[in-house]
Amino acid sequence: MRKEYVISAAVVILIAAIGLIYYYPTDDVKIVKLDAPHYLGLRESGELTVTLRNSALTPVNVSIEIENAFISENGTSAKYINPQNPYGKLTLLPGNKTEHVFLGYLVTGTHNVKVNVYQNGQLIDTGSVNVTVPVPQRPELSIQLSYRKETTDNCDIYKIYGYIINDKALGYNDYDIPVQITIMDDETGNVMSNDTKTYHFRSSGIATLSSWRKRPMAVIELAHNKPSNESYLPVQNVAKGMSGDIFRVNVTATLYDPWYDERYNQWTESNGRTYEKYGYWYNMSGIWYEPPHFDPVILVHDELVIPPE
């Protein structure tokens, strides 16, 4: 009886020892390197490289969780891998193993990317790296107008084309820009056509001010005898007159800087305490200077006289 008791106790101890070896976290797995871009543009994709080292002589199963790998527009952080998710488990052979993780941010600021390594649901190592998403450069917008003249037996037709240009086309920043297109009689001042449309402008450098591809944004007809019955649809901005009439096309774009507050706060933080007096600014050292332009509204316009002088 005593012998059976000793054998049973030995079996229990052996099972417990094996269980402890299996479940108790190891000290052999460490994060040895985290590589990430110091700066990443808004809506640009980046990559975090995680290098893990298994110093044991046998394979070790772990899982990793990465916080703030992606942050949405409402500030919600998405975790890369949940430590309890079986799909997030990694088998580390002896030596180093590298994992690559997607990074992407829809909000500005400095984001702390934290890497947690788990074994059997228990944290065994952690590390972090900062990725800064700067405020996008203030757009430098301009409008360019051009025309193409077509002549028939009955009239001269001026097809007006417009373009909005951003000289600071950096990153993947989109803007919704209201654009007002006005056609008026230059002699009487009467408004012949007035329309405002919002254009979704991707910062690729230039966008066409037309709701229809390969169509002008406006048409002006100067008849030789009497106006035609042509509607020029789908173009909405149409004015008709007689030869000798002069029309003025005015295009105005208005952009409310979406990062105005962040831009001002960033400048204030970088310059420390500043003071304003008589329209000038000076810092704690008494040095006077002019601050950058912080107008929340970016207003640009251009106009075209038809027929050209």
C-alpha atoms as a PDB file:
ATOM      1  CA  MET A   1       0.000   0.000   0.000  1.00  0.00           C
ATOM      2  CA  ARG A   2       2.771   2.346   0.924  1.00  0.00           C
ATOM      3  CA  LYS A   3       4.589   1.517  -2.332  1.00  0.00           C
ATOM      4  CA  GLU A   4       1.469   2.298  -4.393  1.00  0.00           C
ATOM      5  CA  TYR A   5       1.086   5.601  -2.541  1.00  0.00           C
ATOM      6  CA  VAL A   6       4.676   6.568  -3.313  1.00  0.00           C
ATOM      7  CA  ILE A   7       4.202   5.700  -6.999  1.00  0.00           C
ATOM      8  CA  SER A   8       0.970   7.713  -7.224  1.00  0.00           C
ATOM      9  CA  ALA A   9       2.597  10.708  -5.543  1.00  0.00           C
ATOM     10  CA  ALA A  10       5.543  10.516  -7.919  1.00  0.00           C
ATOM     11  CA  VAL A  11       3.195  10.447 -10.924  1.00  0.00           C
ATOM     12  CA  VAL A  12       1.291  13.488  -9.610  1.00  0.00           C
ATOM     13  CA  ILE A  13       4.531  15.389  -9.013  1.00  0.00           C
ATOM     14  CA  LEU A  14       5.787  14.486 -12.474  1.00  0.00           C
ATOM     15  CA  ILE A  15       2.566  15.654 -14.120  1.00  0.00           C
ATOM     16  CA  ALA A  16       2.639  18.867 -12.119  1.00  0.00           C
ATOM     17  CA  ALA A  17       6.262  19.456 -13.086  1.00  0.00           C
ATOM     18  CA  ILE A  18       5.484  18.902 -16.754  1.00  0.00           C
ATOM     19  CA  GLY A  19       2.494  21.242 -16.425  1.00  0.00           C
ATOM     20  CA  LEU A  20       4.607  23.918 -14.815  1.00  0.00           C
ATOM     21  CA  ILE A  21       7.234  23.576 -17.512  1.00  0.00           C
ATOM     22  CA  TYR A  22       4.585  23.857 -20.193  1.00  0.00           C
ATOM     23  CA  TYR A  23       2.454  26.659 -18.736  1.00  0.00           C
ATOM     24  CA  TYR A  24       4.928  28.715 -16.792  1.00  0.00           C
ATOM     25  CA  PRO A  25       6.226  31.578 -18.963  1.00  0.00           C
ATOM     26  CA  THR A  26       9.758  31.281 -20.196  1.00  0.00           C
ATOM     27  CA  ASP A  27      12.480  33.880 -19.844  1.00  0.00           C
ATOM     28  CA  ASP A  28      14.054  32.769 -23.090  1.00  0.00           C
ATOM     29  CA  VAL A  29      11.904  34.936 -25.427  1.00  0.00           C
ATOM     30  CA  LYS A  30      12.662  38.634 -25.678  1.00  0.00           C
ATOM     31  CA  ILE A  31      12.008  41.569 -27.990  1.00  0.00           C
ATOM     32  CA  VAL A  32      15.441  42.474 -29.315  1.00  0.00           C
ATOM     33  CA  LYS A  33      14.530  45.195 -31.833  1.00  0.00           C
ATOM     34  CA  LEU A  34      11.625  47.419 -32.893  1.00  0.00           C
ATOM     35  CA  ASP A  35      11.920  49.362 -36.140  1.00  0.00           C
ATOM     36  CA  ALA A  36       9.301  51.907 -37.232  1.00  0.00           C
ATOM     37  CA  PRO A  37       9.371  55.222 -39.118  1.00  0.00           C
ATOM     38  CA  HIS A  38       9.875  58.189 -36.803  1.00  0.00           C
ATOM     39  CA  TYR A  39       7.468  60.203 -38.965  1.00  0.00           C
ATOM     40  CA  LEU A  40       4.542  58.970 -41.020  1.00  0.00           C
ATOM     41  CA  GLY A  41       2.199  61.059 -43.134  1.00  0.00           C
ATOM     42  CA  LEU A  42      -1.506  61.208 -42.504  1.00  0.00           C
ATOM     43  CA  ARG A  43      -3.254  58.363 -44.388  1.00  0.00           C
ATOM     44  CA  GLU A  44       0.099  56.956 -45.456  1.00  0.00           C
ATOM     45  CA  SER A  45       0.929  53.319 -44.774  1.00  0.00           C
ATOM     46  CA  GLY A  46       4.006  52.335 -42.813  1.00  0.00           C
ATOM     47  CA  GLU A  47       5.534  49.229 -41.338  1.00  0.00           C
ATOM     48  CA  LEU A  48       6.671  48.133 -37.903  1.00  0.00           C
ATOM     49  CA  THR A  49       9.326  45.436 -37.789  1.00  0.00           C
ATOM     50  CA  VAL A  50       9.379  43.314 -34.623  1.00  0.00           C
ATOM     51  CA  THR A  51      12.414  41.098 -34.026  1.00  0.00           C
ATOM     52  CA  LEU A  52      12.001  38.376 -31.389  1.00  0.00           C
ATOM     53  CA  ARG A  53      14.737  36.107 -30.040  1.00  0.00           C
ATOM     54  CA  ASN A  54      14.255  32.642 -28.642  1.00  0.00           C
ATOM     55  CA  SER A  55      17.286  31.763 -26.538  1.00  0.00           C
ATOM     56  CA  ALA A  56      15.973  28.295 -25.665  1.00  0.00           C
ATOM     57  CA  LEU A  57      17.152  25.132 -27.386  1.00  0.00           C
ATOM     58  CA  THR A  58      13.620  24.114 -28.305  1.00  0.00           C
ATOM     59  CA  PRO A  59      10.744  25.870 -30.143  1.00  0.00           C
ATOM     60  CA  VAL A  60       8.510  28.147 -28.075  1.00  0.00           C
ATOM     61  CA  ASN A  61       4.910  29.126 -28.879  1.00  0.00           C
ATOM     62  CA  VAL A  62       4.038  32.770 -28.213  1.00  0.00           C
ATOM     63  CA  SER A  63       1.547  35.370 -29.402  1.00  0.00           C
ATOM     64  CA  ILE A  64       2.017  39.094 -29.882  1.00  0.00           C
ATOM     65  CA  GLU A  65      -0.311  42.043 -29.458  1.00  0.00           C
ATOM     66  CA  ILE A  66       0.429  45.456 -30.952  1.00  0.00           C
ATOM     67  CA  GLU A  67      -1.420  48.512 -29.670  1.00  0.00           C
ATOM     68  CA  ASN A  68      -1.900  51.683 -31.748  1.00  0.00           C
ATOM     69  CA  ALA A  69      -0.868  50.022 -34.982  1.00  0.00           C
ATOM     70  CA  PHE A  70      -3.848  51.744 -36.586  1.00  0.00           C
ATOM     71  CA  ILE A  71      -5.901  54.692 -35.328  1.00  0.00           C
ATOM     72  CA  SER A  72      -9.154  55.695 -37.023  1.00  0.00           C
ATOM     73  CA  GLU A  73     -10.542  59.197 -37.516  1.00  0.00           C
ATOM     74  CA  ASN A  74     -12.497  59.022 -34.242  1.00  0.00           C
ATOM     75  CA  GLY A  75      -9.323  58.143 -32.323  1.00  0.00           C
ATOM     76  CA  THR A  76     -10.134  54.456 -31.900  1.00  0.00           C
ATOM     77  CA  SER A  77      -7.050  52.263 -31.742  1.00  0.00           C
ATOM     78  CA  ALA A  78      -7.055  48.854 -33.402  1.00  0.00           C
ATOM     79  CA  LYS A  79      -4.950  46.059 -31.945  1.00  0.00           C
ATOM     80  CA  TYR A  80      -2.998  43.985 -34.387  1.00  0.00           C
ATOM     81  CA  ILE A  81      -3.186  40.580 -32.684  1.00  0.00           C
ATOM     82  CA  ASN A  82      -5.146  39.451 -29.633  1.00  0.00           C
ATOM     83  CA  PRO A  83      -3.046  37.199 -27.371  1.00  0.00           C
ATOM     84  CA  GLN A  84      -5.988  34.802 -26.943  1.00  0.00           C
ATOM     85  CA  ASN A  85      -6.536  34.500 -30.706  1.00  0.00           C
ATOM     86  CA  PRO A  86      -5.068  31.203 -31.979  1.00  0.00           C
ATOM     87  CA  TYR A  87      -4.387  32.855 -35.341  1.00  0.00           C
ATOM     88  CA  GLY A  88      -1.990  35.207 -33.588  1.00  0.00           C
ATOM     89  CA  LYS A  89       0.248  32.471 -32.247  1.00  0.00           C
ATOM     90  CA  LEU A  90       3.821  32.171 -33.444  1.00  0.00           C
ATOM     91  CA  THR A  91       6.224  29.292 -33.162  1.00  0.00           C
ATOM     92  CA  LEU A  92       9.689  30.631 -32.460  1.00  0.00           C
ATOM     93  CA  LEU A  93      12.548  28.363 -33.380  1.00  0.00           C
ATOM     94  CA  PRO A  94      15.853  28.923 -31.575  1.00  0.00           C
ATOM     95  CA  GLY A  95      17.317  32.223 -32.784  1.00  0.00           C
ATOM     96  CA  ASN A  96      15.678  35.345 -34.176  1.00  0.00           C
ATOM     97  CA  LYS A  97      12.323  35.730 -35.925  1.00  0.00           C
ATOM     98  CA  THR A  98      11.041  38.891 -37.604  1.00  0.00           C
ATOM     99  CA  GLU A  99       7.401  39.959 -37.924  1.00  0.00           C
ATOM    100  CA  HIS A 100       6.142  42.845 -40.091  1.00  0.00           C
ATOM    101  CA  VAL A 101       3.084  44.844 -39.012  1.00  0.00           C
ATOM    102  CA  PHE A 102       1.065  47.417 -40.980  1.00  0.00           C
ATOM    103  CA  LEU A 103       0.878  50.933 -39.530  1.00  0.00           C
ATOM    104  CA  GLY A 104      -1.658  53.571 -40.544  1.00  0.00           C
ATOM    105  CA  TYR A 105      -3.109  56.682 -38.913  1.00  0.00           C
ATOM    106  CA  LEU A 106      -6.066  58.932 -39.661  1.00  0.00           C
ATOM    107  CA  VAL A 107      -5.271  61.397 -36.863  1.00  0.00           C
ATOM    108  CA  THR A 108      -2.216  63.558 -36.232  1.00  0.00           C
ATOM    109  CA  GLY A 109       0.014  63.500 -33.164  1.00  0.00           C
ATOM    110  CA  THR A 110       2.630  61.219 -31.617  1.00  0.00           C
ATOM    111  CA  HIS A 111       1.379  57.659 -31.232  1.00  0.00           C
ATOM    112  CA  ASN A 112       3.002  55.172 -28.897  1.00  0.00           C
ATOM    113  CA  VAL A 113       3.089  51.780 -30.599  1.00  0.00           C
ATOM    114  CA  LYS A 114       3.309  49.146 -27.877  1.00  0.00           C
ATOM    115  CA  VAL A 115       4.296  45.526 -28.481  1.00  0.00           C
ATOM    116  CA  ASN A 116       3.290  42.848 -25.968  1.00  0.00           C
ATOM    117  CA  VAL A 117       4.531  39.259 -26.146  1.00  0.00           C
ATOM    118  CA  TYR A 118       2.480  36.530 -24.446  1.00  0.00           C
ATOM    119  CA  GLN A 119       3.016  32.889 -23.638  1.00  0.00           C
ATOM    120  CA  ASN A 120      -0.016  30.895 -22.572  1.00  0.00           C
ATOM    121  CA  GLY A 121      -1.885  34.157 -22.049  1.00  0.00           C
ATOM    122  CA  GLN A 122       0.746  35.626 -19.717  1.00  0.00           C
ATOM    123  CA  LEU A 123       2.839  38.669 -20.558  1.00  0.00           C
ATOM    124  CA  ILE A 124       6.540  37.805 -20.908  1.00  0.00           C
ATOM    125  CA  ASP A 125       7.984  40.924 -22.571  1.00  0.00           C
ATOM    126  CA  THR A 126       6.964  44.351 -23.795  1.00  0.00           C
ATOM    127  CA  GLY A 127       8.450  47.210 -25.800  1.00  0.00           C
ATOM    128  CA  SER A 128       7.312  50.420 -27.487  1.00  0.00           C
ATOM    129  CA  VAL A 129       8.272  52.928 -30.158  1.00  0.00           C
ATOM    130  CA  ASN A 130       6.827  56.353 -31.047  1.00  0.00           C
ATOM    131  CA  VAL A 131       5.513  57.273 -34.492  1.00  0.00           C
ATOM    132  CA  THR A 132       4.706  60.943 -35.112  1.00  0.00           C
ATOM    133  CA  VAL A 133       2.098  61.994 -37.664  1.00  0.00           C
ATOM    134  CA  PRO A 134       2.695  65.711 -38.282  1.00  0.00           C
ATOM    135  CA  VAL A 135       0.008  68.199 -39.219  1.00  0.00           C
ATOM    136  CA  PRO A 136      -0.184  68.320 -43.040  1.00  0.00           C
ATOM    137  CA  GLN A 137       1.301  71.356 -44.701  1.00  0.00           C
ATOM    138  CA  ARG A 138      -1.096  74.199 -45.303  1.00  0.00           C
ATOM    139  CA  PRO A 139      -2.392  73.910 -48.881  1.00  0.00           C
ATOM    140  CA  GLU A 140      -1.247  76.572 -51.325  1.00  0.00           C
ATOM    141  CA  LEU A 141      -4.193  76.745 -53.681  1.00  0.00           C
ATOM    142  CA  SER A 142      -4.639  78.603 -56.938  1.00  0.00           C
ATOM    143  CA  ILE A 143      -7.175  78.584 -59.760  1.00  0.00           C
ATOM    144  CA  GLN A 144      -6.323  78.562 -63.431  1.00  0.00           C
ATOM    145  CA  LEU A 145      -8.886  79.347 -66.147  1.00  0.00           C
ATOM    146  CA  SER A 146      -8.591  78.717 -69.857  1.00  0.00           C
ATOM    147  CA  TYR A 147     -10.915  78.635 -72.847  1.00  0.00           C
ATOM    148  CA  ARG A 148     -11.352  77.112 -76.261  1.00  0.00           C
ATOM    149  CA  LYS A 149     -13.151  78.992 -79.024  1.00  0.00           C
ATOM    150  CA  GLU A 150     -15.348  77.275 -81.590  1.00  0.00           C
ATOM    151  CA  THR A 151     -16.971  79.212 -84.455  1.00  0.00           C
ATOM    152  CA  THR A 152     -20.075  78.233 -86.428  1.00  0.00           C
ATOM    153  CA  ASP A 153     -22.097  80.086 -89.069  1.00  0.00           C
ATOM    154  CA  ASN A 154     -24.393  81.441 -86.357  1.00  0.00           C
ATOM    155  CA  CYS A 155     -22.211  82.093 -83.297  1.00  0.00           C
ATOM    156  CA  ASP A 156     -18.909  81.985 -81.454  1.00  0.00           C
ATOM    157  CA  ILE A 157     -18.820  79.442 -78.663  1.00  0.00           C
ATOM    158  CA  TYR A 158     -16.367  79.819 -75.785  1.00  0.00           C
ATOM    159  CA  LYS A 159     -15.848  76.705 -73.704  1.00  0.00           C
ATOM    160  CA  ILE A 160     -14.406  77.614 -70.301  1.00  0.00           C
ATOM    161  CA  TYR A 161     -12.202  75.159 -68.416  1.00  0.00           C
ATOM    162  CA  GLY A 162     -11.082  75.575 -64.826  1.00  0.00           C
ATOM    163  CA  TYR A 163      -8.487  73.893 -62.669  1.00  0.00           C
ATOM    164  CA  ILE A 164      -7.677  74.098 -58.991  1.00  0.00           C
ATOM    165  CA  ILE A 165      -4.015  73.564 -58.152  1.00  0.00           C
ATOM    166  CA  ASN A 166      -2.346  72.699 -54.866  1.00  0.00           C
ATOM    167  CA  ASP A 167       1.369  73.523 -54.831  1.00  0.00           C
ATOM    168  CA  LYS A 168       1.723  71.629 -51.529  1.00  0.00           C
ATOM    169  CA  ALA A 169       0.535  68.270 -52.822  1.00  0.00           C
ATOM    170  CA  LEU A 170       2.161  66.141 -50.139  1.00  0.00           C
ATOM    171  CA  GLY A 171       0.695  63.022 -48.590  1.00  0.00           C
ATOM    172  CA  TYR A 172      -2.758  61.564 -49.101  1.00  0.00           C
ATOM    173  CA  ASN A 173      -4.931  64.397 -47.872  1.00  0.00           C
ATOM    174  CA  ASP A 174      -8.389  64.940 -49.312  1.00  0.00           C
ATOM    175  CA  TYR A 175     -10.360  68.171 -49.234  1.00  0.00           C
ATOM    176  CA  ASP A 176     -13.960  69.131 -49.928  1.00  0.00           C
ATOM    177  CA  ILE A 177     -13.739  72.560 -51.552  1.00  0.00           C
ATOM    178  CA  PRO A 178     -16.834  74.666 -52.402  1.00  0.00           C
ATOM    179  CA  VAL A 179     -16.282  76.475 -55.707  1.00  0.00           C
ATOM    180  CA  GLN A 180     -18.519  79.326 -56.896  1.00  0.00           C
ATOM    181  CA  ILE A 181     -18.747  79.945 -60.650  1.00  0.00           C
ATOM    182  CA  THR A 182     -20.321  83.242 -61.691  1.00  0.00           C
ATOM    183  CA  ILE A 183     -20.888  84.633 -65.188  1.00  0.00           C
ATOM    184  CA  MET A 184     -21.955  88.277 -65.447  1.00  0.00           C
ATOM    185  CA  ASP A 185     -22.502  90.869 -68.125  1.00  0.00           C
ATOM    186  CA  ASP A 186     -19.450  93.084 -67.863  1.00  0.00           C
ATOM    187  CA  GLU A 187     -21.338  96.203 -68.984  1.00  0.00           C
ATOM    188  CA  THR A 188     -24.551  95.938 -66.960  1.00  0.00           C
ATOM    189  CA  GLY A 189     -23.272  93.823 -64.052  1.00  0.00           C
ATOM    190  CA  ASN A 190     -26.238  91.461 -64.443  1.00  0.00           C
ATOM    191  CA  VAL A 191     -25.523  87.937 -63.258  1.00  0.00           C
ATOM    192  CA  MET A 192     -26.223  85.511 -66.093  1.00  0.00           C
ATOM    193  CA  SER A 193     -25.295  82.340 -64.218  1.00  0.00           C
ATOM    194  CA  ASN A 194     -24.284  81.603 -60.649  1.00  0.00           C
ATOM    195  CA  ASP A 195     -23.585  78.152 -59.283  1.00  0.00           C
ATOM    196  CA  THR A 196     -21.713  76.671 -56.319  1.00  0.00           C
ATOM    197  CA  LYS A 197     -20.523  73.090 -56.256  1.00  0.00           C
ATOM    198  CA  THR A 198     -18.376  71.175 -53.786  1.00  0.00           C
ATOM    199  CA  TYR A 199     -15.499  69.333 -55.376  1.00  0.00           C
ATOM    200  CA  HIS A 200     -13.764  66.462 -53.645  1.00  0.00           C
ATOM    201  CA  PHE A 201     -10.155  67.325 -54.230  1.00  0.00           C
ATOM    202  CA  ARG A 202      -7.490  64.663 -53.824  1.00  0.00           C
ATOM    203  CA  SER A 203      -4.131  66.271 -53.254  1.00  0.00           C
ATOM    204  CA  SER A 204      -2.627  64.984 -56.475  1.00  0.00           C
ATOM    205  CA  GLY A 205      -1.656  68.534 -57.424  1.00  0.00           C
ATOM    206  CA  ILE A 206      -4.459  69.495 -59.832  1.00  0.00           C
ATOM    207  CA  ALA A 207      -8.204  68.900 -60.161  1.00  0.00           C
ATOM    208  CA  THR A 208     -10.610  69.763 -62.971  1.00  0.00           C
ATOM    209  CA  LEU A 209     -13.536  72.015 -62.090  1.00  0.00           C
ATOM    210  CA  SER A 210     -16.145  70.117 -64.025  1.00  0.00           C
ATOM    211  CA  SER A 211     -18.873  67.735 -62.961  1.00  0.00           C
ATOM    212  CA  TRP A 212     -18.577  65.855 -66.225  1.00  0.00           C
ATOM    213  CA  ARG A 213     -15.445  64.315 -67.623  1.00  0.00           C
ATOM    214  CA  LYS A 214     -14.032  66.006 -70.725  1.00  0.00           C
ATOM    215  CA  ARG A 215     -16.702  68.713 -70.474  1.00  0.00           C
ATOM    216  CA  PRO A 216     -16.115  72.424 -69.812  1.00  0.00           C
ATOM    217  CA  MET A 217     -17.262  73.963 -66.558  1.00  0.00           C
ATOM    218  CA  ALA A 218     -19.028  76.817 -68.420  1.00  0.00           C
ATOM    219  CA  VAL A 219     -20.099  77.834 -71.912  1.00  0.00           C
ATOM    220  CA  ILE A 220     -20.585  81.332 -73.322  1.00  0.00           C
ATOM    221  CA  GLU A 221     -22.326  81.765 -76.655  1.00  0.00           C
ATOM    222  CA  LEU A 222     -22.041  85.012 -78.636  1.00  0.00           C
ATOM    223  CA  ALA A 223     -24.540  84.892 -81.498  1.00  0.00           C
ATOM    224  CA  HIS A 224     -24.019  86.671 -84.820  1.00  0.00           C
ATOM    225  CA  ASN A 225     -27.741  87.228 -85.408  1.00  0.00           C
ATOM    226  CA  LYS A 226     -29.838  85.619 -82.683  1.00  0.00           C
ATOM    227  CA  PRO A 227     -29.149  83.141 -79.836  1.00  0.00           C
ATOM    228  CA  SER A 228     -29.345  79.466 -80.704  1.00  0.00           C
ATOM    229  CA  ASN A 229     -31.643  76.886 -79.161  1.00  0.00           C
ATOM    230  CA  GLU A 230     -28.691  74.785 -77.965  1.00  0.00           C
ATOM    231  CA  SER A 231     -28.866  73.981 -74.224  1.00  0.00           C
ATOM    232  CA  TYR A 232     -25.222  72.802 -73.962  1.00  0.00           C
ATOM    233  CA  LEU A 233     -26.237  70.174 -71.398  1.00  0.00           C
ATOM    234  CA  PRO A 234     -24.879  68.643 -69.216  1.00  0.00           C
ATOM    235  CA  VAL A 235     -22.976  71.898 -68.643  1.00  0.00           C
ATOM    236  CA  GLN A 236     -25.011  73.965 -66.158  1.00  0.00           C
ATOM    237  CA  ASN A 237     -23.162  77.294 -66.319  1.00  0.00           C
ATOM    238  CA  VAL A 238     -24.289  78.769 -69.628  1.00  0.00           C
ATOM    239  CA  ALA A 239     -24.634  82.389 -70.760  1.00  0.00           C
ATOM    240  CA  LYS A 240     -25.866  83.611 -74.153  1.00  0.00           C
ATOM    241  CA  GLY A 241     -25.380  87.003 -75.742  1.00  0.00           C
ATOM    242  CA  MET A 242     -24.688  88.765 -79.002  1.00  0.00           C
ATOM    243  CA  SER A 243     -21.467  89.620 -80.772  1.00  0.00           C
ATOM    244  CA  GLY A 244     -20.002  92.684 -79.078  1.00  0.00           C
ATOM    245  CA  ASP A 245     -21.195  91.667 -75.602  1.00  0.00           C
ATOM    246  CA  ILE A 246     -18.541  91.132 -72.937  1.00  0.00           C
ATOM    247  CA  PHE A 247     -18.873  88.597 -70.162  1.00  0.00           C
ATOM    248  CA  ARG A 248     -16.764  88.121 -67.060  1.00  0.00           C
ATOM    249  CA  VAL A 249     -16.284  84.654 -65.578  1.00  0.00           C
ATOM    250  CA  ASN A 250     -15.335  84.637 -61.899  1.00  0.00           C
ATOM    251  CA  VAL A 251     -14.366  81.463 -60.033  1.00  0.00           C
ATOM    252  CA  THR A 252     -13.840  81.480 -56.263  1.00  0.00           C
ATOM    253  CA  ALA A 253     -12.784  78.508 -54.135  1.00  0.00           C
ATOM    254  CA  THR A 254     -13.071  78.478 -50.344  1.00  0.00           C
ATOM    255  CA  LEU A 255     -11.312  75.948 -48.140  1.00  0.00           C
ATOM    256  CA  TYR A 256     -11.714  75.886 -44.368  1.00  0.00           C
ATOM    257  CA  ASP A 257      -8.382  74.603 -43.114  1.00  0.00           C
ATOM    258  CA  PRO A 258      -9.303  71.319 -41.355  1.00  0.00           C
ATOM    259  CA  TRP A 259      -6.101  71.409 -39.283  1.00  0.00           C
ATOM    260  CA  TYR A 260      -6.249  75.066 -38.258  1.00  0.00           C
ATOM    261  CA  ASP A 261      -6.402  74.388 -34.500  1.00  0.00           C
ATOM    262  CA  GLU A 262      -3.708  71.702 -34.637  1.00  0.00           C
ATOM    263  CA  ARG A 263      -1.499  73.905 -36.790  1.00  0.00           C
ATOM    264  CA  TYR A 264      -1.754  76.825 -34.370  1.00  0.00           C
ATOM    265  CA  ASN A 265      -1.222  74.623 -31.290  1.00  0.00           C
ATOM    266  CA  GLN A 266       1.807  72.943 -32.865  1.00  0.00           C
ATOM    267  CA  TRP A 267       3.388  76.301 -33.611  1.00  0.00           C
ATOM    268  CA  THR A 268       2.647  77.576 -30.080  1.00  0.00           C
ATOM    269  CA  GLU A 269       4.201  74.496 -28.476  1.00  0.00           C
ATOM    270  CA  SER A 270       7.342  74.735 -30.606  1.00  0.00           C
ATOM    271  CA  ASN A 271       7.827  78.439 -29.867  1.00  0.00           C
ATOM    272  CA  GLY A 272       7.062  78.349 -26.159  1.00  0.00           C
ATOM    273  CA  ARG A 273       5.535  81.409 -24.550  1.00  0.00           C
ATOM    274  CA  THR A 274       4.926  84.223 -27.006  1.00  0.00           C
ATOM    275  CA  TYR A 275       3.354  87.640 -26.749  1.00  0.00           C
ATOM    276  CA  GLU A 276       1.584  89.918 -29.218  1.00  0.00           C
ATOM    277  CA  LYS A 277       1.891  93.694 -29.272  1.00  0.00           C
ATOM    278  CA  TYR A 278       0.893  96.114 -32.017  1.00  0.00           C
ATOM    279  CA  GLY A 279       0.576  93.268 -34.501  1.00  0.00           C
ATOM    280  CA  TYR A 280       4.061  91.917 -33.772  1.00  0.00           C
ATOM    281  CA  TRP A 281       5.119  88.959 -31.704  1.00  0.00           C
ATOM    282  CA  TYR A 282       8.077  88.480 -29.400  1.00  0.00           C
ATOM    283  CA  ASN A 283       9.316  85.601 -27.295  1.00  0.00           C
ATOM    284  CA  MET A 284      10.815  85.390 -23.803  1.00  0.00           C
ATOM    285  CA  SER A 285      14.166  86.598 -25.152  1.00  0.00           C
ATOM    286  CA  GLY A 286      12.577  89.767 -26.477  1.00  0.00           C
ATOM    287  CA  ILE A 287      13.158  88.850 -30.120  1.00  0.00           C
ATOM    288  CA  TRP A 288      10.483  90.284 -32.422  1.00  0.00           C
ATOM    289  CA  TYR A 289       9.173  88.362 -35.378  1.00  0.00           C
ATOM    290  CA  GLU A 290       6.064  87.764 -37.471  1.00  0.00           C
ATOM    291  CA  PRO A 291       4.187  84.507 -36.849  1.00  0.00           C
ATOM    292  CA  PRO A 292       3.100  82.291 -39.721  1.00  0.00           C
ATOM    293  CA  HIS A 293      -0.268  82.869 -41.349  1.00  0.00           C
ATOM    294  CA  PHE A 294      -3.077  81.271 -39.347  1.00  0.00           C
ATOM    295  CA  ASP A 295      -6.141  82.333 -41.281  1.00  0.00           C
ATOM    296  CA  PRO A 296      -8.632  79.445 -40.944  1.00  0.00           C
ATOM    297  CA  VAL A 297     -10.027  80.224 -44.406  1.00  0.00           C
ATOM    298  CA  ILE A 298      -8.060  79.765 -47.632  1.00  0.00           C
ATOM    299  CA  LEU A 299      -9.735  81.866 -50.334  1.00  0.00           C
ATOM    300  CA  VAL A 300      -8.533  81.894 -53.953  1.00  0.00           C
ATOM    301  CA  HIS A 301     -10.121  83.162 -57.145  1.00  0.00           C
ATOM    302  CA  ASP A 302      -9.483  83.901 -60.786  1.00  0.00           C
ATOM    303  CA  GLU A 303     -11.475  85.509 -63.572  1.00  0.00           C
ATOM    304  CA  LEU A 304     -11.611  85.457 -67.324  1.00  0.00           C
ATOM    305  CA  VAL A 305     -13.037  88.046 -69.731  1.00  0.00           C
ATOM    306  CA  ILE A 306     -14.887  86.703 -72.796  1.00  0.00           C
ATOM    307  CA  PRO A 307     -14.113  87.570 -75.519  1.00  0.00           C
ATOM    308  CA  PRO A 308     -10.514  88.195 -74.478  1.00  0.00           C
ATOM    309  CA  GLU A 309      -9.316  91.763 -74.849  1.00  0.00           C
END
